[in-house]
Amino acid sequence: MHYAQPACLEVCPAVANTEWLLFAQDCVLSNSNNLKREASRIIGNIAHLFPNDLDVAIPRLLENMKDDGTVIRWGSAYALAKVIRIPRYANSELYDLLTNLSQQEQNNGVRNQLLAGLKAAGKMRL
């Protein structure tokens, strides 16, 4: 069965702004695992709108890839997989970092998030 894309996703570019990104990148390092997870998802969902504003978010997401919590790593992997699909990052050292992380990751769900992003980015690499 095919489902239509929710209307909220169609308006997201008109609604999302850099304040969302700044808020989310601050929350990625929160003490709350729920906040870390959801902030990562926000970054992943809007990264393509602000490709030149991710310099703070990326190292924080990478830091959370070291977390013991699978949901934290999954959220960060989700966001990083979206970021690596942006041409600027597909051809950067981030590609190699994510490749190494995917090889080290023990959880299939987290690893699959990274691999999906790397596969898409691989098609854009020079």
PDB file of N, CA and C in Angstrom:
ATOM      1  N   MET A   1       0.840  -1.177   0.000  1.00  0.00           N
ATOM      2  CA  MET A   1       0.000   0.000   0.000  1.00  0.00           C
ATOM      3  C   MET A   1       0.883   1.238   0.000  1.00  0.00           C
ATOM      4  N   HIS A   2       0.565   2.223  -0.801  1.00  0.00           N
ATOM      5  CA  HIS A   2       1.346   3.443  -0.911  1.00  0.00           C
ATOM      6  C   HIS A   2       0.693   4.546  -0.076  1.00  0.00           C
ATOM      7  N   TYR A   3       1.485   5.207   0.710  1.00  0.00           N
ATOM      8  CA  TYR A   3       0.979   6.299   1.536  1.00  0.00           C
ATOM      9  C   TYR A   3       1.506   7.618   1.001  1.00  0.00           C
ATOM     10  N   ALA A   4       0.657   8.615   1.021  1.00  0.00           N
ATOM     11  CA  ALA A   4       1.059   9.949   0.579  1.00  0.00           C
ATOM     12  C   ALA A   4       1.995  10.559   1.612  1.00  0.00           C
ATOM     13  N   GLN A   5       2.889  11.409   1.146  1.00  0.00           N
ATOM     14  CA  GLN A   5       3.794  12.106   2.043  1.00  0.00           C
ATOM     15  C   GLN A   5       2.985  13.075   2.899  1.00  0.00           C
ATOM     16  N   PRO A   6       3.214  13.099   4.208  1.00  0.00           N
ATOM     17  CA  PRO A   6       2.473  14.023   5.065  1.00  0.00           C
ATOM     18  C   PRO A   6       2.678  15.471   4.625  1.00  0.00           C
ATOM     19  N   ALA A   7       1.626  16.248   4.717  1.00  0.00           N
ATOM     20  CA  ALA A   7       1.684  17.644   4.299  1.00  0.00           C
ATOM     21  C   ALA A   7       2.738  18.416   5.070  1.00  0.00           C
ATOM     22  N   CYS A   8       2.969  18.046   6.331  1.00  0.00           N
ATOM     23  CA  CYS A   8       3.951  18.773   7.135  1.00  0.00           C
ATOM     24  C   CYS A   8       5.348  18.682   6.529  1.00  0.00           C
ATOM     25  N   LEU A   9       5.671  17.576   5.843  1.00  0.00           N
ATOM     26  CA  LEU A   9       6.978  17.455   5.217  1.00  0.00           C
ATOM     27  C   LEU A   9       7.102  18.347   3.996  1.00  0.00           C
ATOM     28  N   GLU A  10       5.989  18.625   3.364  1.00  0.00           N
ATOM     29  CA  GLU A  10       6.011  19.503   2.197  1.00  0.00           C
ATOM     30  C   GLU A  10       6.240  20.956   2.598  1.00  0.00           C
ATOM     31  N   VAL A  11       5.780  21.349   3.777  1.00  0.00           N
ATOM     32  CA  VAL A  11       5.931  22.722   4.220  1.00  0.00           C
ATOM     33  C   VAL A  11       7.180  22.937   5.053  1.00  0.00           C
ATOM     34  N   CYS A  12       7.826  21.870   5.434  1.00  0.00           N
ATOM     35  CA  CYS A  12       8.978  21.966   6.314  1.00  0.00           C
ATOM     36  C   CYS A  12      10.004  23.007   5.864  1.00  0.00           C
ATOM     37  N   PRO A  13      10.389  23.059   4.588  1.00  0.00           N
ATOM     38  CA  PRO A  13      11.363  24.079   4.199  1.00  0.00           C
ATOM     39  C   PRO A  13      10.884  25.500   4.468  1.00  0.00           C
ATOM     40  N   ALA A  14       9.576  25.733   4.384  1.00  0.00           N
ATOM     41  CA  ALA A  14       9.052  27.066   4.632  1.00  0.00           C
ATOM     42  C   ALA A  14       8.991  27.355   6.130  1.00  0.00           C
ATOM     43  N   VAL A  15       8.958  26.327   6.948  1.00  0.00           N
ATOM     44  CA  VAL A  15       8.811  26.500   8.385  1.00  0.00           C
ATOM     45  C   VAL A  15      10.156  26.413   9.093  1.00  0.00           C
ATOM     46  N   ALA A  16      10.980  25.449   8.718  1.00  0.00           N
ATOM     47  CA  ALA A  16      12.266  25.243   9.386  1.00  0.00           C
ATOM     48  C   ALA A  16      13.184  26.427   9.141  1.00  0.00           C
ATOM     49  N   ASN A  17      13.965  26.747  10.159  1.00  0.00           N
ATOM     50  CA  ASN A  17      14.951  27.818  10.019  1.00  0.00           C
ATOM     51  C   ASN A  17      16.196  27.450  10.820  1.00  0.00           C
ATOM     52  N   THR A  18      17.195  28.288  10.755  1.00  0.00           N
ATOM     53  CA  THR A  18      18.456  27.967  11.433  1.00  0.00           C
ATOM     54  C   THR A  18      18.295  27.915  12.945  1.00  0.00           C
ATOM     55  N   GLU A  19      17.270  28.564  13.478  1.00  0.00           N
ATOM     56  CA  GLU A  19      17.033  28.472  14.923  1.00  0.00           C
ATOM     57  C   GLU A  19      16.732  27.025  15.325  1.00  0.00           C
ATOM     58  N   TRP A  20      16.003  26.302  14.480  1.00  0.00           N
ATOM     59  CA  TRP A  20      15.735  24.881  14.751  1.00  0.00           C
ATOM     60  C   TRP A  20      17.049  24.125  14.819  1.00  0.00           C
ATOM     61  N   LEU A  21      17.913  24.397  13.850  1.00  0.00           N
ATOM     62  CA  LEU A  21      19.205  23.704  13.798  1.00  0.00           C
ATOM     63  C   LEU A  21      20.046  24.041  15.019  1.00  0.00           C
ATOM     64  N   LEU A  22      20.118  25.309  15.390  1.00  0.00           N
ATOM     65  CA  LEU A  22      20.903  25.721  16.556  1.00  0.00           C
ATOM     66  C   LEU A  22      20.364  25.075  17.830  1.00  0.00           C
ATOM     67  N   PHE A  23      19.048  25.072  17.978  1.00  0.00           N
ATOM     68  CA  PHE A  23      18.428  24.449  19.142  1.00  0.00           C
ATOM     69  C   PHE A  23      18.751  22.956  19.185  1.00  0.00           C
ATOM     70  N   ALA A  24      18.584  22.284  18.056  1.00  0.00           N
ATOM     71  CA  ALA A  24      18.825  20.841  18.001  1.00  0.00           C
ATOM     72  C   ALA A  24      20.288  20.512  18.263  1.00  0.00           C
ATOM     73  N   GLN A  25      21.200  21.276  17.684  1.00  0.00           N
ATOM     74  CA  GLN A  25      22.613  20.947  17.883  1.00  0.00           C
ATOM     75  C   GLN A  25      23.026  21.170  19.334  1.00  0.00           C
ATOM     76  N   ASP A  26      22.367  22.076  20.040  1.00  0.00           N
ATOM     77  CA  ASP A  26      22.634  22.237  21.468  1.00  0.00           C
ATOM     78  C   ASP A  26      22.082  21.054  22.261  1.00  0.00           C
ATOM     79  N   CYS A  27      20.921  20.573  21.865  1.00  0.00           N
ATOM     80  CA  CYS A  27      20.267  19.475  22.584  1.00  0.00           C
ATOM     81  C   CYS A  27      20.922  18.118  22.337  1.00  0.00           C
ATOM     82  N   VAL A  28      21.705  17.993  21.287  1.00  0.00           N
ATOM     83  CA  VAL A  28      22.359  16.722  20.970  1.00  0.00           C
ATOM     84  C   VAL A  28      23.265  16.268  22.110  1.00  0.00           C
ATOM     85  N   LEU A  29      23.804  17.192  22.861  1.00  0.00           N
ATOM     86  CA  LEU A  29      24.687  16.838  23.973  1.00  0.00           C
ATOM     87  C   LEU A  29      23.986  16.930  25.328  1.00  0.00           C
ATOM     88  N   SER A  30      22.688  16.920  25.326  1.00  0.00           N
ATOM     89  CA  SER A  30      21.892  16.977  26.551  1.00  0.00           C
ATOM     90  C   SER A  30      22.168  15.760  27.438  1.00  0.00           C
ATOM     91  N   ASN A  31      21.813  15.873  28.702  1.00  0.00           N
ATOM     92  CA  ASN A  31      21.883  14.720  29.605  1.00  0.00           C
ATOM     93  C   ASN A  31      20.710  13.777  29.401  1.00  0.00           C
ATOM     94  N   SER A  32      19.687  14.250  28.728  1.00  0.00           N
ATOM     95  CA  SER A  32      18.493  13.447  28.484  1.00  0.00           C
ATOM     96  C   SER A  32      18.654  12.639  27.197  1.00  0.00           C
ATOM     97  N   ASN A  33      18.557  11.320  27.316  1.00  0.00           N
ATOM     98  CA  ASN A  33      18.673  10.478  26.125  1.00  0.00           C
ATOM     99  C   ASN A  33      17.551  10.738  25.135  1.00  0.00           C
ATOM    100  N   ASN A  34      16.351  11.007  25.624  1.00  0.00           N
ATOM    101  CA  ASN A  34      15.231  11.317  24.726  1.00  0.00           C
ATOM    102  C   ASN A  34      15.509  12.580  23.931  1.00  0.00           C
ATOM    103  N   LEU A  35      16.044  13.580  24.597  1.00  0.00           N
ATOM    104  CA  LEU A  35      16.360  14.839  23.920  1.00  0.00           C
ATOM    105  C   LEU A  35      17.482  14.643  22.903  1.00  0.00           C
ATOM    106  N   LYS A  36      18.499  13.876  23.259  1.00  0.00           N
ATOM    107  CA  LYS A  36      19.598  13.577  22.327  1.00  0.00           C
ATOM    108  C   LYS A  36      19.059  12.913  21.062  1.00  0.00           C
ATOM    109  N   ARG A  37      18.218  11.901  21.261  1.00  0.00           N
ATOM    110  CA  ARG A  37      17.679  11.139  20.129  1.00  0.00           C
ATOM    111  C   ARG A  37      16.845  12.022  19.221  1.00  0.00           C
ATOM    112  N   GLU A  38      15.924  12.772  19.792  1.00  0.00           N
ATOM    113  CA  GLU A  38      15.032  13.596  18.974  1.00  0.00           C
ATOM    114  C   GLU A  38      15.769  14.766  18.329  1.00  0.00           C
ATOM    115  N   ALA A  39      16.737  15.339  19.021  1.00  0.00           N
ATOM    116  CA  ALA A  39      17.531  16.424  18.437  1.00  0.00           C
ATOM    117  C   ALA A  39      18.311  15.916  17.223  1.00  0.00           C
ATOM    118  N   SER A  40      18.818  14.706  17.327  1.00  0.00           N
ATOM    119  CA  SER A  40      19.539  14.114  16.191  1.00  0.00           C
ATOM    120  C   SER A  40      18.603  13.939  15.001  1.00  0.00           C
ATOM    121  N   ARG A  41      17.402  13.492  15.274  1.00  0.00           N
ATOM    122  CA  ARG A  41      16.431  13.301  14.187  1.00  0.00           C
ATOM    123  C   ARG A  41      16.074  14.637  13.528  1.00  0.00           C
ATOM    124  N   ILE A  42      15.949  15.682  14.324  1.00  0.00           N
ATOM    125  CA  ILE A  42      15.663  17.004  13.758  1.00  0.00           C
ATOM    126  C   ILE A  42      16.803  17.418  12.832  1.00  0.00           C
ATOM    127  N   ILE A  43      18.023  17.271  13.294  1.00  0.00           N
ATOM    128  CA  ILE A  43      19.174  17.646  12.466  1.00  0.00           C
ATOM    129  C   ILE A  43      19.159  16.855  11.163  1.00  0.00           C
ATOM    130  N   GLY A  44      18.912  15.566  11.262  1.00  0.00           N
ATOM    131  CA  GLY A  44      18.859  14.740  10.058  1.00  0.00           C
ATOM    132  C   GLY A  44      17.784  15.181   9.090  1.00  0.00           C
ATOM    133  N   ASN A  45      16.639  15.567   9.631  1.00  0.00           N
ATOM    134  CA  ASN A  45      15.522  15.941   8.768  1.00  0.00           C
ATOM    135  C   ASN A  45      15.670  17.308   8.109  1.00  0.00           C
ATOM    136  N   ILE A  46      16.478  18.188   8.695  1.00  0.00           N
ATOM    137  CA  ILE A  46      16.608  19.526   8.097  1.00  0.00           C
ATOM    138  C   ILE A  46      18.013  19.821   7.587  1.00  0.00           C
ATOM    139  N   ALA A  47      18.929  18.890   7.708  1.00  0.00           N
ATOM    140  CA  ALA A  47      20.325  19.125   7.297  1.00  0.00           C
ATOM    141  C   ALA A  47      20.424  19.618   5.860  1.00  0.00           C
ATOM    142  N   HIS A  48      19.628  19.042   4.967  1.00  0.00           N
ATOM    143  CA  HIS A  48      19.706  19.424   3.556  1.00  0.00           C
ATOM    144  C   HIS A  48      19.294  20.879   3.323  1.00  0.00           C
ATOM    145  N   LEU A  49      18.564  21.463   4.256  1.00  0.00           N
ATOM    146  CA  LEU A  49      18.141  22.859   4.115  1.00  0.00           C
ATOM    147  C   LEU A  49      19.240  23.836   4.508  1.00  0.00           C
ATOM    148  N   PHE A  50      20.186  23.374   5.332  1.00  0.00           N
ATOM    149  CA  PHE A  50      21.244  24.234   5.856  1.00  0.00           C
ATOM    150  C   PHE A  50      22.610  23.568   5.733  1.00  0.00           C
ATOM    151  N   PRO A  51      23.008  23.198   4.524  1.00  0.00           N
ATOM    152  CA  PRO A  51      24.245  22.428   4.358  1.00  0.00           C
ATOM    153  C   PRO A  51      25.508  23.156   4.801  1.00  0.00           C
ATOM    154  N   ASN A  52      25.461  24.475   4.863  1.00  0.00           N
ATOM    155  CA  ASN A  52      26.645  25.242   5.254  1.00  0.00           C
ATOM    156  C   ASN A  52      26.676  25.576   6.738  1.00  0.00           C
ATOM    157  N   ASP A  53      25.696  25.074   7.488  1.00  0.00           N
ATOM    158  CA  ASP A  53      25.588  25.409   8.909  1.00  0.00           C
ATOM    159  C   ASP A  53      25.715  24.190   9.819  1.00  0.00           C
ATOM    160  N   LEU A  54      26.376  23.150   9.364  1.00  0.00           N
ATOM    161  CA  LEU A  54      26.429  21.899  10.113  1.00  0.00           C
ATOM    162  C   LEU A  54      27.766  21.657  10.822  1.00  0.00           C
ATOM    163  N   ASP A  55      28.645  22.656  10.810  1.00  0.00           N
ATOM    164  CA  ASP A  55      29.986  22.469  11.365  1.00  0.00           C
ATOM    165  C   ASP A  55      30.000  22.204  12.867  1.00  0.00           C
ATOM    166  N   VAL A  56      29.003  22.657  13.587  1.00  0.00           N
ATOM    167  CA  VAL A  56      28.922  22.381  15.025  1.00  0.00           C
ATOM    168  C   VAL A  56      28.198  21.060  15.258  1.00  0.00           C
ATOM    169  N   ALA A  57      27.163  20.815  14.498  1.00  0.00           N
ATOM    170  CA  ALA A  57      26.338  19.623  14.697  1.00  0.00           C
ATOM    171  C   ALA A  57      27.110  18.330  14.401  1.00  0.00           C
ATOM    172  N   ILE A  58      27.899  18.315  13.351  1.00  0.00           N
ATOM    173  CA  ILE A  58      28.572  17.077  12.936  1.00  0.00           C
ATOM    174  C   ILE A  58      29.482  16.510  14.033  1.00  0.00           C
ATOM    175  N   PRO A  59      30.381  17.293  14.627  1.00  0.00           N
ATOM    176  CA  PRO A  59      31.225  16.723  15.689  1.00  0.00           C
ATOM    177  C   PRO A  59      30.409  16.231  16.895  1.00  0.00           C
ATOM    178  N   ARG A  60      29.311  16.890  17.168  1.00  0.00           N
ATOM    179  CA  ARG A  60      28.465  16.467  18.286  1.00  0.00           C
ATOM    180  C   ARG A  60      27.772  15.149  17.970  1.00  0.00           C
ATOM    181  N   LEU A  61      27.327  14.997  16.752  1.00  0.00           N
ATOM    182  CA  LEU A  61      26.720  13.725  16.341  1.00  0.00           C
ATOM    183  C   LEU A  61      27.756  12.605  16.377  1.00  0.00           C
ATOM    184  N   LEU A  62      28.961  12.910  15.925  1.00  0.00           N
ATOM    185  CA  LEU A  62      30.038  11.918  15.970  1.00  0.00           C
ATOM    186  C   LEU A  62      30.365  11.524  17.411  1.00  0.00           C
ATOM    187  N   GLU A  63      30.320  12.484  18.309  1.00  0.00           N
ATOM    188  CA  GLU A  63      30.564  12.196  19.730  1.00  0.00           C
ATOM    189  C   GLU A  63      29.502  11.231  20.258  1.00  0.00           C
ATOM    190  N   ASN A  64      28.262  11.430  19.872  1.00  0.00           N
ATOM    191  CA  ASN A  64      27.187  10.554  20.330  1.00  0.00           C
ATOM    192  C   ASN A  64      27.261   9.157  19.727  1.00  0.00           C
ATOM    193  N   MET A  65      28.034   8.982  18.677  1.00  0.00           N
ATOM    194  CA  MET A  65      28.229   7.647  18.116  1.00  0.00           C
ATOM    195  C   MET A  65      29.046   6.766  19.068  1.00  0.00           C
ATOM    196  N   LYS A  66      29.657   7.366  20.091  1.00  0.00           N
ATOM    197  CA  LYS A  66      30.419   6.622  21.093  1.00  0.00           C
ATOM    198  C   LYS A  66      29.552   6.249  22.301  1.00  0.00           C
ATOM    199  N   ASP A  67      28.313   6.716  22.329  1.00  0.00           N
ATOM    200  CA  ASP A  67      27.421   6.483  23.458  1.00  0.00           C
ATOM    201  C   ASP A  67      27.092   4.995  23.598  1.00  0.00           C
ATOM    202  N   ASP A  68      26.896   4.548  24.822  1.00  0.00           N
ATOM    203  CA  ASP A  68      26.523   3.153  25.063  1.00  0.00           C
ATOM    204  C   ASP A  68      25.095   2.852  24.623  1.00  0.00           C
ATOM    205  N   GLY A  69      24.246   3.876  24.602  1.00  0.00           N
ATOM    206  CA  GLY A  69      22.841   3.676  24.261  1.00  0.00           C
ATOM    207  C   GLY A  69      22.622   3.506  22.767  1.00  0.00           C
ATOM    208  N   THR A  70      21.990   2.415  22.404  1.00  0.00           N
ATOM    209  CA  THR A  70      21.728   2.138  20.989  1.00  0.00           C
ATOM    210  C   THR A  70      20.851   3.213  20.368  1.00  0.00           C
ATOM    211  N   VAL A  71      19.833   3.687  21.084  1.00  0.00           N
ATOM    212  CA  VAL A  71      18.935   4.696  20.504  1.00  0.00           C
ATOM    213  C   VAL A  71      19.662   6.009  20.247  1.00  0.00           C
ATOM    214  N   ILE A  72      20.664   6.304  21.071  1.00  0.00           N
ATOM    215  CA  ILE A  72      21.458   7.527  20.863  1.00  0.00           C
ATOM    216  C   ILE A  72      22.310   7.359  19.611  1.00  0.00           C
ATOM    217  N   ARG A  73      22.977   6.224  19.497  1.00  0.00           N
ATOM    218  CA  ARG A  73      23.796   5.975  18.306  1.00  0.00           C
ATOM    219  C   ARG A  73      22.926   5.917  17.059  1.00  0.00           C
ATOM    220  N   TRP A  74      21.745   5.294  17.148  1.00  0.00           N
ATOM    221  CA  TRP A  74      20.853   5.201  15.994  1.00  0.00           C
ATOM    222  C   TRP A  74      20.436   6.603  15.540  1.00  0.00           C
ATOM    223  N   GLY A  75      20.054   7.455  16.486  1.00  0.00           N
ATOM    224  CA  GLY A  75      19.655   8.826  16.125  1.00  0.00           C
ATOM    225  C   GLY A  75      20.786   9.586  15.467  1.00  0.00           C
ATOM    226  N   SER A  76      21.983   9.440  16.009  1.00  0.00           N
ATOM    227  CA  SER A  76      23.142  10.117  15.416  1.00  0.00           C
ATOM    228  C   SER A  76      23.475   9.538  14.049  1.00  0.00           C
ATOM    229  N   ALA A  77      23.385   8.221  13.928  1.00  0.00           N
ATOM    230  CA  ALA A  77      23.641   7.582  12.633  1.00  0.00           C
ATOM    231  C   ALA A  77      22.619   8.047  11.603  1.00  0.00           C
ATOM    232  N   TYR A  78      21.362   8.177  12.013  1.00  0.00           N
ATOM    233  CA  TYR A  78      20.309   8.672  11.117  1.00  0.00           C
ATOM    234  C   TYR A  78      20.682  10.059  10.595  1.00  0.00           C
ATOM    235  N   ALA A  79      21.054  10.953  11.512  1.00  0.00           N
ATOM    236  CA  ALA A  79      21.409  12.321  11.111  1.00  0.00           C
ATOM    237  C   ALA A  79      22.652  12.345  10.235  1.00  0.00           C
ATOM    238  N   LEU A  80      23.668  11.601  10.620  1.00  0.00           N
ATOM    239  CA  LEU A  80      24.906  11.576   9.834  1.00  0.00           C
ATOM    240  C   LEU A  80      24.681  10.965   8.454  1.00  0.00           C
ATOM    241  N   ALA A  81      23.782  10.001   8.372  1.00  0.00           N
ATOM    242  CA  ALA A  81      23.457   9.405   7.068  1.00  0.00           C
ATOM    243  C   ALA A  81      22.767  10.415   6.167  1.00  0.00           C
ATOM    244  N   LYS A  82      22.008  11.318   6.739  1.00  0.00           N
ATOM    245  CA  LYS A  82      21.374  12.391   5.950  1.00  0.00           C
ATOM    246  C   LYS A  82      22.412  13.439   5.550  1.00  0.00           C
ATOM    247  N   VAL A  83      23.302  13.754   6.457  1.00  0.00           N
ATOM    248  CA  VAL A  83      24.345  14.754   6.181  1.00  0.00           C
ATOM    249  C   VAL A  83      25.265  14.275   5.061  1.00  0.00           C
ATOM    250  N   ILE A  84      25.663  13.010   5.104  1.00  0.00           N
ATOM    251  CA  ILE A  84      26.634  12.506   4.121  1.00  0.00           C
ATOM    252  C   ILE A  84      26.050  12.482   2.713  1.00  0.00           C
ATOM    253  N   ARG A  85      24.740  12.576   2.592  1.00  0.00           N
ATOM    254  CA  ARG A  85      24.085  12.636   1.276  1.00  0.00           C
ATOM    255  C   ARG A  85      24.203  14.023   0.631  1.00  0.00           C
ATOM    256  N   ILE A  86      24.636  15.000   1.396  1.00  0.00           N
ATOM    257  CA  ILE A  86      24.834  16.360   0.873  1.00  0.00           C
ATOM    258  C   ILE A  86      26.172  16.362   0.137  1.00  0.00           C
ATOM    259  N   PRO A  87      26.205  16.775  -1.131  1.00  0.00           N
ATOM    260  CA  PRO A  87      27.441  16.678  -1.929  1.00  0.00           C
ATOM    261  C   PRO A  87      28.685  17.222  -1.238  1.00  0.00           C
ATOM    262  N   ARG A  88      28.554  18.303  -0.530  1.00  0.00           N
ATOM    263  CA  ARG A  88      29.702  18.896   0.157  1.00  0.00           C
ATOM    264  C   ARG A  88      30.355  17.902   1.121  1.00  0.00           C
ATOM    265  N   TYR A  89      29.550  17.084   1.747  1.00  0.00           N
ATOM    266  CA  TYR A  89      30.059  16.134   2.730  1.00  0.00           C
ATOM    267  C   TYR A  89      30.372  14.773   2.131  1.00  0.00           C
ATOM    268  N   ALA A  90      29.704  14.427   1.046  1.00  0.00           N
ATOM    269  CA  ALA A  90      29.965  13.150   0.380  1.00  0.00           C
ATOM    270  C   ALA A  90      31.412  13.063  -0.080  1.00  0.00           C
ATOM    271  N   ASN A  91      31.990  14.205  -0.404  1.00  0.00           N
ATOM    272  CA  ASN A  91      33.375  14.258  -0.892  1.00  0.00           C
ATOM    273  C   ASN A  91      34.341  14.769   0.173  1.00  0.00           C
ATOM    274  N   SER A  92      33.991  14.551   1.436  1.00  0.00           N
ATOM    275  CA  SER A  92      34.852  15.039   2.516  1.00  0.00           C
ATOM    276  C   SER A  92      35.385  13.872   3.348  1.00  0.00           C
ATOM    277  N   GLU A  93      36.189  14.201   4.328  1.00  0.00           N
ATOM    278  CA  GLU A  93      36.738  13.181   5.237  1.00  0.00           C
ATOM    279  C   GLU A  93      35.644  12.523   6.075  1.00  0.00           C
ATOM    280  N   LEU A  94      34.480  13.160   6.156  1.00  0.00           N
ATOM    281  CA  LEU A  94      33.364  12.567   6.894  1.00  0.00           C
ATOM    282  C   LEU A  94      32.992  11.213   6.309  1.00  0.00           C
ATOM    283  N   TYR A  95      33.124  11.057   5.003  1.00  0.00           N
ATOM    284  CA  TYR A  95      32.813   9.787   4.356  1.00  0.00           C
ATOM    285  C   TYR A  95      33.668   8.657   4.940  1.00  0.00           C
ATOM    286  N   ASP A  96      34.955   8.920   5.070  1.00  0.00           N
ATOM    287  CA  ASP A  96      35.859   7.908   5.624  1.00  0.00           C
ATOM    288  C   ASP A  96      35.582   7.651   7.101  1.00  0.00           C
ATOM    289  N   LEU A  97      35.253   8.693   7.847  1.00  0.00           N
ATOM    290  CA  LEU A  97      34.907   8.530   9.262  1.00  0.00           C
ATOM    291  C   LEU A  97      33.684   7.638   9.424  1.00  0.00           C
ATOM    292  N   LEU A  98      32.661   7.891   8.618  1.00  0.00           N
ATOM    293  CA  LEU A  98      31.445   7.089   8.709  1.00  0.00           C
ATOM    294  C   LEU A  98      31.676   5.663   8.229  1.00  0.00           C
ATOM    295  N   THR A  99      32.537   5.495   7.255  1.00  0.00           N
ATOM    296  CA  THR A  99      32.891   4.148   6.808  1.00  0.00           C
ATOM    297  C   THR A  99      33.521   3.373   7.955  1.00  0.00           C
ATOM    298  N   ASN A 100      34.460   3.998   8.659  1.00  0.00           N
ATOM    299  CA  ASN A 100      35.103   3.338   9.806  1.00  0.00           C
ATOM    300  C   ASN A 100      34.098   3.045  10.912  1.00  0.00           C
ATOM    301  N   LEU A 101      33.220   4.011  11.189  1.00  0.00           N
ATOM    302  CA  LEU A 101      32.201   3.792  12.222  1.00  0.00           C
ATOM    303  C   LEU A 101      31.283   2.630  11.857  1.00  0.00           C
ATOM    304  N   SER A 102      30.914   2.546  10.591  1.00  0.00           N
ATOM    305  CA  SER A 102      30.007   1.465  10.172  1.00  0.00           C
ATOM    306  C   SER A 102      30.680   0.102  10.327  1.00  0.00           C
ATOM    307  N   GLN A 103      31.984   0.052  10.134  1.00  0.00           N
ATOM    308  CA  GLN A 103      32.717  -1.206  10.280  1.00  0.00           C
ATOM    309  C   GLN A 103      32.869  -1.613  11.743  1.00  0.00           C
ATOM    310  N   GLN A 104      32.887  -0.636  12.635  1.00  0.00           N
ATOM    311  CA  GLN A 104      33.063  -0.905  14.059  1.00  0.00           C
ATOM    312  C   GLN A 104      31.736  -1.146  14.781  1.00  0.00           C
ATOM    313  N   GLU A 105      30.642  -0.637  14.229  1.00  0.00           N
ATOM    314  CA  GLU A 105      29.341  -0.708  14.901  1.00  0.00           C
ATOM    315  C   GLU A 105      28.831  -2.143  14.987  1.00  0.00           C
ATOM    316  N   GLN A 106      28.419  -2.541  16.185  1.00  0.00           N
ATOM    317  CA  GLN A 106      27.928  -3.895  16.426  1.00  0.00           C
ATOM    318  C   GLN A 106      26.428  -4.040  16.172  1.00  0.00           C
ATOM    319  N   ASN A 107      25.674  -2.957  16.340  1.00  0.00           N
ATOM    320  CA  ASN A 107      24.226  -3.025  16.184  1.00  0.00           C
ATOM    321  C   ASN A 107      23.847  -2.892  14.711  1.00  0.00           C
ATOM    322  N   ASN A 108      23.066  -3.846  14.213  1.00  0.00           N
ATOM    323  CA  ASN A 108      22.679  -3.846  12.794  1.00  0.00           C
ATOM    324  C   ASN A 108      21.877  -2.614  12.394  1.00  0.00           C
ATOM    325  N   GLY A 109      20.963  -2.170  13.250  1.00  0.00           N
ATOM    326  CA  GLY A 109      20.135  -1.013  12.912  1.00  0.00           C
ATOM    327  C   GLY A 109      20.959   0.248  12.757  1.00  0.00           C
ATOM    328  N   VAL A 110      21.881   0.459  13.668  1.00  0.00           N
ATOM    329  CA  VAL A 110      22.760   1.630  13.609  1.00  0.00           C
ATOM    330  C   VAL A 110      23.652   1.530  12.380  1.00  0.00           C
ATOM    331  N   ARG A 111      24.249   0.366  12.194  1.00  0.00           N
ATOM    332  CA  ARG A 111      25.141   0.157  11.043  1.00  0.00           C
ATOM    333  C   ARG A 111      24.390   0.364   9.729  1.00  0.00           C
ATOM    334  N   ASN A 112      23.162  -0.143   9.648  1.00  0.00           N
ATOM    335  CA  ASN A 112      22.380   0.002   8.417  1.00  0.00           C
ATOM    336  C   ASN A 112      22.055   1.456   8.099  1.00  0.00           C
ATOM    337  N   GLN A 113      21.837   2.261   9.131  1.00  0.00           N
ATOM    338  CA  GLN A 113      21.620   3.699   8.899  1.00  0.00           C
ATOM    339  C   GLN A 113      22.851   4.304   8.218  1.00  0.00           C
ATOM    340  N   LEU A 114      24.013   4.010   8.788  1.00  0.00           N
ATOM    341  CA  LEU A 114      25.260   4.542   8.227  1.00  0.00           C
ATOM    342  C   LEU A 114      25.489   4.041   6.809  1.00  0.00           C
ATOM    343  N   LEU A 115      25.280   2.749   6.601  1.00  0.00           N
ATOM    344  CA  LEU A 115      25.522   2.172   5.275  1.00  0.00           C
ATOM    345  C   LEU A 115      24.589   2.744   4.217  1.00  0.00           C
ATOM    346  N   ALA A 116      23.351   3.034   4.588  1.00  0.00           N
ATOM    347  CA  ALA A 116      22.414   3.623   3.627  1.00  0.00           C
ATOM    348  C   ALA A 116      22.900   5.007   3.189  1.00  0.00           C
ATOM    349  N   GLY A 117      23.364   5.789   4.138  1.00  0.00           N
ATOM    350  CA  GLY A 117      23.900   7.109   3.795  1.00  0.00           C
ATOM    351  C   GLY A 117      25.160   7.018   2.957  1.00  0.00           C
ATOM    352  N   LEU A 118      26.030   6.097   3.318  1.00  0.00           N
ATOM    353  CA  LEU A 118      27.277   5.920   2.565  1.00  0.00           C
ATOM    354  C   LEU A 118      27.012   5.441   1.144  1.00  0.00           C
ATOM    355  N   LYS A 119      26.030   4.579   0.987  1.00  0.00           N
ATOM    356  CA  LYS A 119      25.688   4.091  -0.352  1.00  0.00           C
ATOM    357  C   LYS A 119      25.218   5.243  -1.232  1.00  0.00           C
ATOM    358  N   ALA A 120      24.323   6.077  -0.701  1.00  0.00           N
ATOM    359  CA  ALA A 120      23.838   7.230  -1.462  1.00  0.00           C
ATOM    360  C   ALA A 120      24.965   8.218  -1.750  1.00  0.00           C
ATOM    361  N   ALA A 121      25.806   8.439  -0.775  1.00  0.00           N
ATOM    362  CA  ALA A 121      26.929   9.382  -0.948  1.00  0.00           C
ATOM    363  C   ALA A 121      27.947   8.836  -1.953  1.00  0.00           C
ATOM    364  N   GLY A 122      28.117   7.526  -1.956  1.00  0.00           N
ATOM    365  CA  GLY A 122      29.082   6.911  -2.862  1.00  0.00           C
ATOM    366  C   GLY A 122      28.772   7.206  -4.315  1.00  0.00           C
ATOM    367  N   LYS A 123      27.515   7.381  -4.626  1.00  0.00           N
ATOM    368  CA  LYS A 123      27.101   7.687  -6.000  1.00  0.00           C
ATOM    369  C   LYS A 123      27.449   9.112  -6.392  1.00  0.00           C
ATOM    370  N   MET A 124      27.729   9.958  -5.400  1.00  0.00           N
ATOM    371  CA  MET A 124      28.043  11.372  -5.675  1.00  0.00           C
ATOM    372  C   MET A 124      29.530  11.657  -5.615  1.00  0.00           C
ATOM    373  N   ARG A 125      30.288  10.728  -5.095  1.00  0.00           N
ATOM    374  CA  ARG A 125      31.718  10.989  -4.902  1.00  0.00           C
ATOM    375  C   ARG A 125      32.441  11.135  -6.223  1.00  0.00           C
ATOM    376  N   LEU A 126      33.407  12.031  -6.216  1.00  0.00           N
ATOM    377  CA  LEU A 126      34.205  12.298  -7.423  1.00  0.00           C
ATOM    378  C   LEU A 126      35.231  11.231  -7.645  1.00  0.00           C
TER     379      LEU A 126
END
